Structures are given as structure tokens and as C-alpha cells.
Amino acid sequence: MTTALHHNEVVIARGGALLAELDSVCTSFLYAVLVTDDGFEVASVSGSDHERLASMVSSLQALAEGVAEELKIGTSEYVVLATEDGHVIQLRIPRQQLVLSAVFNKSETLGKVLSASKSTAEQIAAVVEGNS
């Protein structure tokens, strides 16, 4: 029997540590959360308590993937929410039923924070694959 990802202590600990590394890579980093497709938080770092964020992240991911499928334009790679004060980068953890959502202020380029988020997602995928 496989342990659900939001109960897997190795995935929680290593996932949280990898999210925290975003802070050292991007000075604009504010908050990050790793959630399951069905809206359970696996790990989060920085920022305040955002108890509803996990369900919103999973819903937004499902919508993005649904739009891409409906339009027959391939699979959704990532979602960017641009606001007055920053960016939310959201992307699927490759080959997993997990989603990374990270919040950054505007002090760095969108390209830099997207690249850092993608790298973190790949590292989390390796952790999950090694602990399944």
C-alpha cells in the first residue's frame, strides 16, 4: 500500500526543504506551497497561513489543464498570475499528482522566477520518484 503524498514524511520534509531553497535563489521569493491534485497541502514555506490556497491551487491547475485539453494545444506547462505587486508561478511536478505554487514580488524578472520554479519542480519529482 502506497502512502498518500500528503502523509509521506520524506516527501513532506524534502519537498519543504526544496521550497525553502527558492528563497536563496530568488530574492523576490515570498511564499510557496506544494499541493496534491485533490487539494491537500504537502508542504509550504514562508508567508502567512493560507489555509484555502491548497484547494485554489488544485482548482486552478485543473482549469488550466482542462483549457489546454479543450483547445487541443498540448498539455499545460505552467500558469502565471501577474498582479500589481508580483507573480504567482504554478506548475505541475513532472510525472506526479502534485502542483507547486510560488509567489514572488516584482524585484526579479518573470524569467528568473519561472526558471527557478521549474528547477524546483524537477527536484521535487526526483524526491517523489525515489520515495514511491
Protein backbone atom coordinates (compact mmCIF):
# COMPACT_ATOMS: atom_id res chain seq x y z
CA MET A 1 0.00 0.00 0.00
CA THR A 2 1.39 3.39 -1.02
CA THR A 3 1.32 6.27 1.46
CA ALA A 4 -0.56 9.33 0.19
CA LEU A 5 1.89 12.06 -0.75
CA HIS A 6 0.49 14.48 1.83
CA HIS A 7 1.26 11.86 4.51
CA ASN A 8 4.66 10.76 3.18
CA GLU A 9 7.13 12.17 5.72
CA VAL A 10 10.10 12.09 3.32
CA VAL A 11 8.20 13.94 0.58
CA ILE A 12 6.90 16.47 3.13
CA ALA A 13 10.36 17.13 4.60
CA ARG A 14 12.39 17.14 1.37
CA GLY A 15 9.64 18.96 -0.54
CA GLY A 16 9.54 21.65 2.13
CA ALA A 17 13.33 21.98 2.09
CA LEU A 18 13.34 22.37 -1.69
CA LEU A 19 10.62 25.00 -1.50
CA ALA A 20 12.70 26.86 1.09
CA GLU A 21 15.68 26.87 -1.29
CA LEU A 22 13.68 29.15 -3.61
CA ASP A 23 14.33 31.87 -1.03
CA SER A 24 18.10 31.57 -1.53
CA VAL A 25 17.82 31.50 -5.33
CA CYS A 26 15.31 34.34 -5.74
CA THR A 27 15.41 37.45 -3.56
CA SER A 28 11.82 38.15 -4.67
CA PHE A 29 10.51 34.92 -3.13
CA LEU A 30 7.59 35.35 -0.72
CA TYR A 31 5.73 32.06 -0.31
CA ALA A 32 5.43 28.58 -1.81
CA VAL A 33 3.12 25.63 -1.37
CA LEU A 34 3.18 22.08 -2.69
CA VAL A 35 -0.26 20.50 -3.02
CA THR A 36 -1.84 17.30 -4.26
CA ASP A 37 -4.21 17.33 -7.23
CA ASP A 38 -7.12 16.92 -4.84
CA GLY A 39 -6.17 19.99 -2.79
CA PHE A 40 -4.21 18.65 0.19
CA GLU A 41 -1.18 20.66 1.28
CA VAL A 42 2.03 18.63 1.32
CA ALA A 43 4.45 21.39 2.35
CA SER A 44 4.69 25.17 2.48
CA VAL A 45 7.25 27.81 3.38
CA SER A 46 7.28 31.49 4.34
CA GLY A 47 4.36 33.86 4.27
CA SER A 48 1.32 33.63 6.47
CA ASP A 49 -1.16 30.81 6.82
CA HIS A 50 -3.12 30.43 3.59
CA GLU A 51 -5.43 27.56 4.51
CA ARG A 52 -7.63 27.89 1.40
CA LEU A 53 -4.71 28.22 -1.01
CA ALA A 54 -4.21 24.47 -1.49
CA SER A 55 -7.73 23.95 -2.82
CA MET A 56 -7.49 27.04 -5.03
CA VAL A 57 -4.15 25.86 -6.46
CA SER A 58 -5.54 22.43 -7.34
CA SER A 59 -8.64 24.00 -8.91
CA LEU A 60 -6.59 26.45 -10.98
CA GLN A 61 -4.36 23.61 -12.18
CA ALA A 62 -7.38 21.55 -13.22
CA LEU A 63 -8.82 24.54 -15.09
CA ALA A 64 -5.55 25.25 -16.91
CA GLU A 65 -5.18 21.62 -17.93
CA GLY A 66 -8.83 21.49 -18.99
CA VAL A 67 -8.48 24.58 -21.18
CA ALA A 68 -5.34 23.21 -22.85
CA GLU A 69 -7.09 19.90 -23.50
CA GLU A 70 -10.29 21.52 -24.77
CA LEU A 71 -8.33 23.70 -27.21
CA LYS A 72 -6.17 20.73 -28.22
CA ILE A 73 -2.99 22.77 -27.79
CA GLY A 74 -0.97 20.25 -25.81
CA THR A 75 -0.53 19.91 -22.08
CA SER A 76 -0.41 22.84 -19.68
CA GLU A 77 3.19 23.60 -18.67
CA TYR A 78 2.61 26.36 -16.15
CA VAL A 79 0.27 29.14 -15.07
CA VAL A 80 1.41 32.69 -14.37
CA LEU A 81 -0.76 35.05 -12.39
CA ALA A 82 0.61 38.57 -12.77
CA THR A 83 -0.52 41.17 -10.23
CA GLU A 84 0.40 44.75 -9.37
CA ASP A 85 2.86 43.60 -6.75
CA GLY A 86 4.19 40.30 -8.02
CA HIS A 87 3.76 36.96 -9.72
CA VAL A 88 2.33 33.58 -8.84
CA ILE A 89 4.03 30.76 -10.71
CA GLN A 90 2.21 27.46 -10.69
CA LEU A 91 3.32 24.26 -12.34
CA ARG A 92 2.78 20.55 -12.19
CA ILE A 93 5.50 18.46 -10.63
CA PRO A 94 6.61 16.33 -13.60
CA ARG A 95 5.04 12.86 -13.71
CA GLN A 96 3.29 13.40 -10.34
CA GLN A 97 -0.11 14.33 -8.99
CA LEU A 98 1.43 17.36 -7.29
CA VAL A 99 1.43 21.07 -8.05
CA LEU A 100 3.92 23.75 -6.99
CA SER A 101 2.65 27.29 -6.49
CA ALA A 102 5.18 30.00 -5.64
CA VAL A 103 4.68 33.71 -5.00
CA PHE A 104 7.29 36.35 -5.85
CA ASN A 105 7.38 40.14 -5.72
CA LYS A 106 8.37 42.07 -8.84
CA SER A 107 12.02 42.70 -7.91
CA GLU A 108 13.20 39.96 -10.31
CA THR A 109 12.25 39.06 -13.85
CA LEU A 110 9.48 36.64 -14.61
CA GLY A 111 12.01 34.51 -16.49
CA LYS A 112 14.23 34.09 -13.45
CA VAL A 113 11.43 33.10 -11.09
CA LEU A 114 9.93 30.75 -13.69
CA SER A 115 13.28 29.08 -14.25
CA ALA A 116 13.85 28.67 -10.50
CA SER A 117 10.34 27.24 -10.06
CA LYS A 118 10.83 24.75 -12.89
CA SER A 119 14.12 23.59 -11.40
CA THR A 120 12.49 23.12 -8.00
CA ALA A 121 9.65 21.15 -9.59
CA GLU A 122 12.14 18.77 -11.25
CA GLN A 123 13.98 18.26 -7.95
CA ILE A 124 10.72 17.51 -6.13
CA ALA A 125 9.81 14.99 -8.85
CA ALA A 126 13.11 13.18 -8.22
CA VAL A 127 12.38 13.05 -4.48
CA VAL A 128 8.91 11.62 -5.04
CA GLU A 129 10.14 9.07 -7.55
CA GLY A 130 12.80 7.95 -5.09
CA ASN A 131 10.22 7.53 -2.31
CA SER A 132 7.25 5.93 -4.03
